[in-house]
C-alpha atoms as a PDB file:
ATOM      1  CA  MET A   1       6.706   1.612 -16.927  1.00  0.00           C
ATOM      2  CA  THR A   2       5.006  -1.689 -16.096  1.00  0.00           C
ATOM      3  CA  VAL A   3       3.497  -1.880 -12.607  1.00  0.00           C
ATOM      4  CA  GLY A   4       1.698  -4.861 -11.154  1.00  0.00           C
ATOM      5  CA  VAL A   5      -1.518  -4.601  -9.170  1.00  0.00           C
ATOM      6  CA  LEU A   6      -2.316  -7.535  -6.895  1.00  0.00           C
ATOM      7  CA  ALA A   7      -5.738  -8.571  -8.188  1.00  0.00           C
ATOM      8  CA  LEU A   8      -6.953 -11.212  -5.746  1.00  0.00           C
ATOM      9  CA  GLN A   9      -9.551  -9.073  -3.937  1.00  0.00           C
ATOM     10  CA  GLY A  10     -10.225  -5.411  -3.171  1.00  0.00           C
ATOM     11  CA  SER A  11      -9.836  -2.150  -5.078  1.00  0.00           C
ATOM     12  CA  PHE A  12      -7.422  -3.393  -7.741  1.00  0.00           C
ATOM     13  CA  ALA A  13      -9.483  -2.027 -10.668  1.00  0.00           C
ATOM     14  CA  GLU A  14      -9.280   1.509  -9.220  1.00  0.00           C
ATOM     15  CA  HIS A  15      -5.483   1.241  -8.882  1.00  0.00           C
ATOM     16  CA  GLU A  16      -5.302  -0.128 -12.424  1.00  0.00           C
ATOM     17  CA  GLU A  17      -7.125   2.979 -13.677  1.00  0.00           C
ATOM     18  CA  ALA A  18      -5.009   5.338 -11.536  1.00  0.00           C
ATOM     19  CA  LEU A  19      -1.832   3.835 -13.016  1.00  0.00           C
ATOM     20  CA  ARG A  20      -3.154   4.373 -16.535  1.00  0.00           C
ATOM     21  CA  ARG A  21      -3.869   8.038 -15.676  1.00  0.00           C
ATOM     22  CA  VAL A  22      -0.216   8.574 -14.701  1.00  0.00           C
ATOM     23  CA  GLY A  23       1.098   6.883 -17.842  1.00  0.00           C
ATOM     24  CA  ALA A  24       2.078   3.473 -16.448  1.00  0.00           C
ATOM     25  CA  THR A  25       1.089   0.106 -17.872  1.00  0.00           C
ATOM     26  CA  PRO A  26      -0.768  -1.907 -15.226  1.00  0.00           C
ATOM     27  CA  VAL A  27      -0.533  -5.698 -15.065  1.00  0.00           C
ATOM     28  CA  LEU A  28      -2.987  -7.656 -12.914  1.00  0.00           C
ATOM     29  CA  VAL A  29      -1.085 -10.074 -10.667  1.00  0.00           C
ATOM     30  CA  ARG A  30      -2.897 -13.262  -9.665  1.00  0.00           C
ATOM     31  CA  LEU A  31      -0.195 -15.932  -9.981  1.00  0.00           C
ATOM     32  CA  PRO A  32       3.558 -16.097  -9.255  1.00  0.00           C
ATOM     33  CA  ALA A  33       4.344 -15.980 -12.991  1.00  0.00           C
ATOM     34  CA  HIS A  34       2.696 -12.549 -13.182  1.00  0.00           C
ATOM     35  CA  LEU A  35       5.495 -11.090 -11.007  1.00  0.00           C
ATOM     36  CA  SER A  36       8.031 -11.435 -13.813  1.00  0.00           C
ATOM     37  CA  GLY A  37       8.450  -8.347 -15.958  1.00  0.00           C
ATOM     38  CA  ILE A  38       6.874  -5.866 -13.556  1.00  0.00           C
ATOM     39  CA  GLU A  39       8.928  -3.023 -12.091  1.00  0.00           C
ATOM     40  CA  GLY A  40       6.842  -2.499  -8.955  1.00  0.00           C
ATOM     41  CA  LEU A  41       3.656  -3.738  -7.308  1.00  0.00           C
ATOM     42  CA  ILE A  42       0.604  -2.173  -5.668  1.00  0.00           C
ATOM     43  CA  ILE A  43      -1.285  -4.132  -3.014  1.00  0.00           C
ATOM     44  CA  PRO A  44      -4.807  -2.642  -2.879  1.00  0.00           C
ATOM     45  CA  GLY A  45      -7.240  -2.082  -0.081  1.00  0.00           C
ATOM     46  CA  GLY A  46      -9.765  -4.801   0.598  1.00  0.00           C
ATOM     47  CA  GLU A  47      -9.963  -7.402   3.354  1.00  0.00           C
ATOM     48  CA  SER A  48      -6.439  -8.180   4.565  1.00  0.00           C
ATOM     49  CA  THR A  49      -7.247 -11.621   6.010  1.00  0.00           C
ATOM     50  CA  THR A  50      -8.891 -12.687   2.754  1.00  0.00           C
ATOM     51  CA  ILE A  51      -6.041 -11.312   0.616  1.00  0.00           C
ATOM     52  CA  GLY A  52      -3.514 -13.075   2.865  1.00  0.00           C
ATOM     53  CA  LYS A  53      -5.297 -16.417   2.491  1.00  0.00           C
ATOM     54  CA  LEU A  54      -5.546 -15.917  -1.273  1.00  0.00           C
ATOM     55  CA  LEU A  55      -1.804 -15.133  -1.402  1.00  0.00           C
ATOM     56  CA  ILE A  56      -1.188 -18.556   0.124  1.00  0.00           C
ATOM     57  CA  ASN A  57      -3.760 -20.371  -2.049  1.00  0.00           C
ATOM     58  CA  SER A  58      -2.377 -18.824  -5.255  1.00  0.00           C
ATOM     59  CA  GLY A  59       1.221 -19.623  -4.291  1.00  0.00           C
ATOM     60  CA  LEU A  60       2.083 -15.904  -4.355  1.00  0.00           C
ATOM     61  CA  LEU A  61       3.090 -15.238  -0.733  1.00  0.00           C
ATOM     62  CA  GLU A  62       6.676 -16.545  -0.795  1.00  0.00           C
ATOM     63  CA  PRO A  63       7.497 -15.377  -4.353  1.00  0.00           C
ATOM     64  CA  LEU A  64       6.183 -11.920  -3.464  1.00  0.00           C
ATOM     65  CA  ARG A  65       8.228 -11.806  -0.249  1.00  0.00           C
ATOM     66  CA  GLU A  66      11.313 -12.888  -2.249  1.00  0.00           C
ATOM     67  CA  ALA A  67      10.671 -10.205  -4.895  1.00  0.00           C
ATOM     68  CA  VAL A  68      10.503  -7.530  -2.159  1.00  0.00           C
ATOM     69  CA  ASN A  69      13.712  -8.842  -0.590  1.00  0.00           C
ATOM     70  CA  ARG A  70      15.392  -8.617  -4.020  1.00  0.00           C
ATOM     71  CA  GLY A  71      14.396  -4.942  -4.208  1.00  0.00           C
ATOM     72  CA  MET A  72      11.005  -4.730  -5.907  1.00  0.00           C
ATOM     73  CA  PRO A  73       9.212  -1.499  -4.883  1.00  0.00           C
ATOM     74  CA  VAL A  74       5.808  -2.183  -3.326  1.00  0.00           C
ATOM     75  CA  TYR A  75       3.007   0.186  -2.355  1.00  0.00           C
ATOM     76  CA  GLY A  76       0.259  -1.004  -0.007  1.00  0.00           C
ATOM     77  CA  THR A  77      -2.991   0.887   0.584  1.00  0.00           C
ATOM     78  CA  CYS A  78      -5.187   0.104   3.603  1.00  0.00           C
ATOM     79  CA  ALA A  79      -5.270  -3.732   3.613  1.00  0.00           C
ATOM     80  CA  GLY A  80      -2.061  -3.608   1.576  1.00  0.00           C
ATOM     81  CA  MET A  81      -0.428  -1.646   4.398  1.00  0.00           C
ATOM     82  CA  ILE A  82      -1.531  -4.334   6.877  1.00  0.00           C
ATOM     83  CA  LEU A  83      -0.039  -7.071   4.683  1.00  0.00           C
ATOM     84  CA  LEU A  84       3.298  -5.230   4.402  1.00  0.00           C
ATOM     85  CA  ALA A  85       3.592  -4.717   8.188  1.00  0.00           C
ATOM     86  CA  ARG A  86       5.853  -6.868  10.335  1.00  0.00           C
ATOM     87  CA  ASP A  87       3.511  -6.557  13.317  1.00  0.00           C
ATOM     88  CA  ILE A  88      -0.282  -6.264  13.522  1.00  0.00           C
ATOM     89  CA  GLY A  89      -0.613  -6.558  17.280  1.00  0.00           C
ATOM     90  CA  GLY A  90      -0.373 -10.323  17.521  1.00  0.00           C
ATOM     91  CA  MET A  91      -3.345 -11.049  15.275  1.00  0.00           C
ATOM     92  CA  ASP A  92      -3.061 -14.354  13.434  1.00  0.00           C
ATOM     93  CA  GLN A  93      -3.212 -13.863   9.672  1.00  0.00           C
ATOM     94  CA  PRO A  94      -0.834 -14.307   6.731  1.00  0.00           C
ATOM     95  CA  LEU A  95       1.449 -11.296   6.175  1.00  0.00           C
ATOM     96  CA  ILE A  96       4.193 -10.427   3.727  1.00  0.00           C
ATOM     97  CA  GLY A  97       5.792  -8.869   6.816  1.00  0.00           C
ATOM     98  CA  VAL A  98       8.565  -6.799   5.203  1.00  0.00           C
ATOM     99  CA  MET A  99       7.975  -3.262   6.504  1.00  0.00           C
ATOM    100  CA  ASP A 100       9.146  -2.256   9.990  1.00  0.00           C
ATOM    101  CA  ILE A 101       5.800  -0.883  11.148  1.00  0.00           C
ATOM    102  CA  THR A 102       3.219  -1.941  13.719  1.00  0.00           C
ATOM    103  CA  VAL A 103      -0.296  -1.562  12.343  1.00  0.00           C
ATOM    104  CA  LYS A 104      -3.661  -1.628  14.096  1.00  0.00           C
ATOM    105  CA  ARG A 105      -6.419  -3.042  11.893  1.00  0.00           C
ATOM    106  CA  ASN A 106      -9.781  -1.226  11.731  1.00  0.00           C
ATOM    107  CA  ALA A 107      -8.336   1.485  13.984  1.00  0.00           C
ATOM    108  CA  PHE A 108     -11.240   3.868  13.408  1.00  0.00           C
ATOM    109  CA  GLY A 109     -14.118   1.437  13.774  1.00  0.00           C
ATOM    110  CA  ARG A 110     -16.571  -0.084  11.368  1.00  0.00           C
ATOM    111  CA  GLN A 111     -17.585   0.771   7.799  1.00  0.00           C
ATOM    112  CA  VAL A 112     -20.030   3.423   9.060  1.00  0.00           C
ATOM    113  CA  ASP A 113     -17.091   5.189  10.749  1.00  0.00           C
ATOM    114  CA  SER A 114     -15.320   5.801   7.421  1.00  0.00           C
ATOM    115  CA  PHE A 115     -14.287   9.417   6.856  1.00  0.00           C
ATOM    116  CA  GLU A 116     -12.242  11.845   4.754  1.00  0.00           C
ATOM    117  CA  GLU A 117      -9.621  14.303   5.962  1.00  0.00           C
ATOM    118  CA  SER A 118      -7.323  16.817   4.269  1.00  0.00           C
ATOM    119  CA  LEU A 119      -3.771  15.687   4.919  1.00  0.00           C
ATOM    120  CA  SER A 120      -0.488  17.533   4.828  1.00  0.00           C
ATOM    121  CA  VAL A 121       1.895  15.326   2.837  1.00  0.00           C
ATOM    122  CA  PRO A 122       5.079  17.384   2.271  1.00  0.00           C
ATOM    123  CA  SER A 123       6.500  14.732  -0.098  1.00  0.00           C
ATOM    124  CA  LEU A 124       3.598  15.494  -2.462  1.00  0.00           C
ATOM    125  CA  GLY A 125       3.909  19.293  -2.320  1.00  0.00           C
ATOM    126  CA  ALA A 126       2.154  22.066  -0.431  1.00  0.00           C
ATOM    127  CA  LYS A 127      -1.408  21.297  -1.571  1.00  0.00           C
ATOM    128  CA  PRO A 128      -3.297  19.111   0.953  1.00  0.00           C
ATOM    129  CA  PHE A 129      -4.220  15.576  -0.093  1.00  0.00           C
ATOM    130  CA  ARG A 130      -7.777  14.342   0.483  1.00  0.00           C
ATOM    131  CA  GLY A 131      -7.423  11.117   2.430  1.00  0.00           C
ATOM    132  CA  VAL A 132     -10.299   8.650   2.076  1.00  0.00           C
ATOM    133  CA  PHE A 133     -10.364   6.298   5.078  1.00  0.00           C
ATOM    134  CA  ILE A 134     -12.572   3.184   4.857  1.00  0.00           C
ATOM    135  CA  ARG A 135     -12.358   0.801   7.837  1.00  0.00           C
ATOM    136  CA  ALA A 136      -8.813   2.080   7.877  1.00  0.00           C
ATOM    137  CA  PRO A 137      -5.786   0.796   9.746  1.00  0.00           C
ATOM    138  CA  LEU A 138      -3.331   3.014  11.598  1.00  0.00           C
ATOM    139  CA  ILE A 139       0.444   2.920  11.970  1.00  0.00           C
ATOM    140  CA  GLU A 140       1.029   2.710  15.715  1.00  0.00           C
ATOM    141  CA  LYS A 141       4.810   2.329  15.670  1.00  0.00           C
ATOM    142  CA  THR A 142       7.616   2.800  13.135  1.00  0.00           C
ATOM    143  CA  GLY A 143      11.109   1.333  13.074  1.00  0.00           C
ATOM    144  CA  SER A 144      14.281   3.383  12.717  1.00  0.00           C
ATOM    145  CA  GLY A 145      14.421   3.056   8.913  1.00  0.00           C
ATOM    146  CA  VAL A 146      10.849   4.244   8.391  1.00  0.00           C
ATOM    147  CA  THR A 147       9.968   7.812   7.374  1.00  0.00           C
ATOM    148  CA  VAL A 148       6.551   9.142   8.363  1.00  0.00           C
ATOM    149  CA  LEU A 149       4.927  10.849   5.351  1.00  0.00           C
ATOM    150  CA  ALA A 150       1.534  11.916   6.723  1.00  0.00           C
ATOM    151  CA  LYS A 151      -0.371  12.242   9.972  1.00  0.00           C
ATOM    152  CA  LEU A 152      -3.954  13.026  10.821  1.00  0.00           C
ATOM    153  CA  SER A 153      -4.686  16.357  12.490  1.00  0.00           C
ATOM    154  CA  ASP A 154      -4.492  14.557  15.862  1.00  0.00           C
ATOM    155  CA  GLY A 155      -0.955  13.326  15.117  1.00  0.00           C
ATOM    156  CA  ARG A 156      -1.706   9.671  14.326  1.00  0.00           C
ATOM    157  CA  VAL A 157       0.420   8.242  11.472  1.00  0.00           C
ATOM    158  CA  VAL A 158      -1.377   7.281   8.248  1.00  0.00           C
ATOM    159  CA  ALA A 159       1.425   7.101   5.647  1.00  0.00           C
ATOM    160  CA  ALA A 160       5.036   5.954   5.735  1.00  0.00           C
ATOM    161  CA  ARG A 161       7.951   4.900   3.569  1.00  0.00           C
ATOM    162  CA  GLN A 162      10.804   2.502   4.201  1.00  0.00           C
ATOM    163  CA  GLY A 163      13.234   2.502   1.295  1.00  0.00           C
ATOM    164  CA  LYS A 164      11.394   0.877  -1.606  1.00  0.00           C
ATOM    165  CA  LEU A 165       8.222   0.276   0.443  1.00  0.00           C
ATOM    166  CA  LEU A 166       5.321   2.735   0.638  1.00  0.00           C
ATOM    167  CA  ALA A 167       2.186   2.389   2.774  1.00  0.00           C
ATOM    168  CA  THR A 168      -0.934   4.501   3.242  1.00  0.00           C
ATOM    169  CA  ALA A 169      -3.946   3.893   5.479  1.00  0.00           C
ATOM    170  CA  PHE A 170      -6.068   5.869   3.017  1.00  0.00           C
ATOM    171  CA  HIS A 171      -7.209   5.186  -0.556  1.00  0.00           C
ATOM    172  CA  PRO A 172      -5.717   7.598  -3.140  1.00  0.00           C
ATOM    173  CA  GLU A 173      -7.134   5.416  -5.920  1.00  0.00           C
ATOM    174  CA  LEU A 174     -10.616   6.630  -4.907  1.00  0.00           C
ATOM    175  CA  THR A 175      -9.743  10.265  -5.671  1.00  0.00           C
ATOM    176  CA  ASP A 176      -8.831  12.149  -8.845  1.00  0.00           C
ATOM    177  CA  ASP A 177      -5.532  13.239  -7.254  1.00  0.00           C
ATOM    178  CA  ALA A 178      -2.750  11.163  -8.853  1.00  0.00           C
ATOM    179  CA  ARG A 179       0.128  12.478  -6.727  1.00  0.00           C
ATOM    180  CA  VAL A 180       0.572   9.346  -4.592  1.00  0.00           C
ATOM    181  CA  HIS A 181       0.690   7.098  -7.656  1.00  0.00           C
ATOM    182  CA  ARG A 182       3.185   9.490  -9.310  1.00  0.00           C
ATOM    183  CA  TYR A 183       5.254   9.415  -6.110  1.00  0.00           C
ATOM    184  CA  PHE A 184       5.319   5.605  -6.276  1.00  0.00           C
ATOM    185  CA  LEU A 185       6.394   5.703  -9.940  1.00  0.00           C
ATOM    186  CA  ASP A 186       9.198   8.091  -8.933  1.00  0.00           C
ATOM    187  CA  MET A 187      10.273   5.545  -6.295  1.00  0.00           C
ATOM    188  CA  ILE A 188      10.458   2.873  -8.993  1.00  0.00           C
ATOM    189  CA  GLU A 189      12.407   5.130 -11.368  1.00  0.00           C
ATOM    190  CA  ASN A 190      14.850   6.167  -8.640  1.00  0.00           C
ATOM    191  CA  ARG A 191      15.472   2.522  -7.772  1.00  0.00           C
ATOM    192  CA  ALA A 192      16.232   1.789 -11.429  1.00  0.00           C
ATOM    193  CA  ALA A 193      18.619   4.749 -11.607  1.00  0.00           C
END
């Protein structure tokens, strides 16, 4: 399976390695032409405003939005989740804007407020998943077609799925646990079926 990783800024190299570990062939996406031939796309964590501006500068924003609207599965982590959201509380920055979620940027504070928490993610099985949160966003509101996949111990939403779209506030690419990447590959395979 060939999966693109948006490689404009952020933790794309870690996602590239995680995809290799689960048997997929990663393709670094930097230009619109790189979208052809991939079966899904991961938008990594990083700085969402910077990635959004680079999406415009590279000419990728509209082709990416069109690919999603045609059915391409997309997984966004941290900044990627922000870029997928339809609403980020009125902040002015470029968004792909295809997932019916409202996201709060930097919901937990600054870099020094980063943390890890064991998460219950029933879609991944009974074993808890170690969520790594770095200047993480938070899903404040979900639309009717969105399924919540994980919450923090205090009930705040940190992972969701809407059809072919997957979003996590945490960084599974920074762990050795490949279950989220396998889950995304299953989403791609199920779409193809």
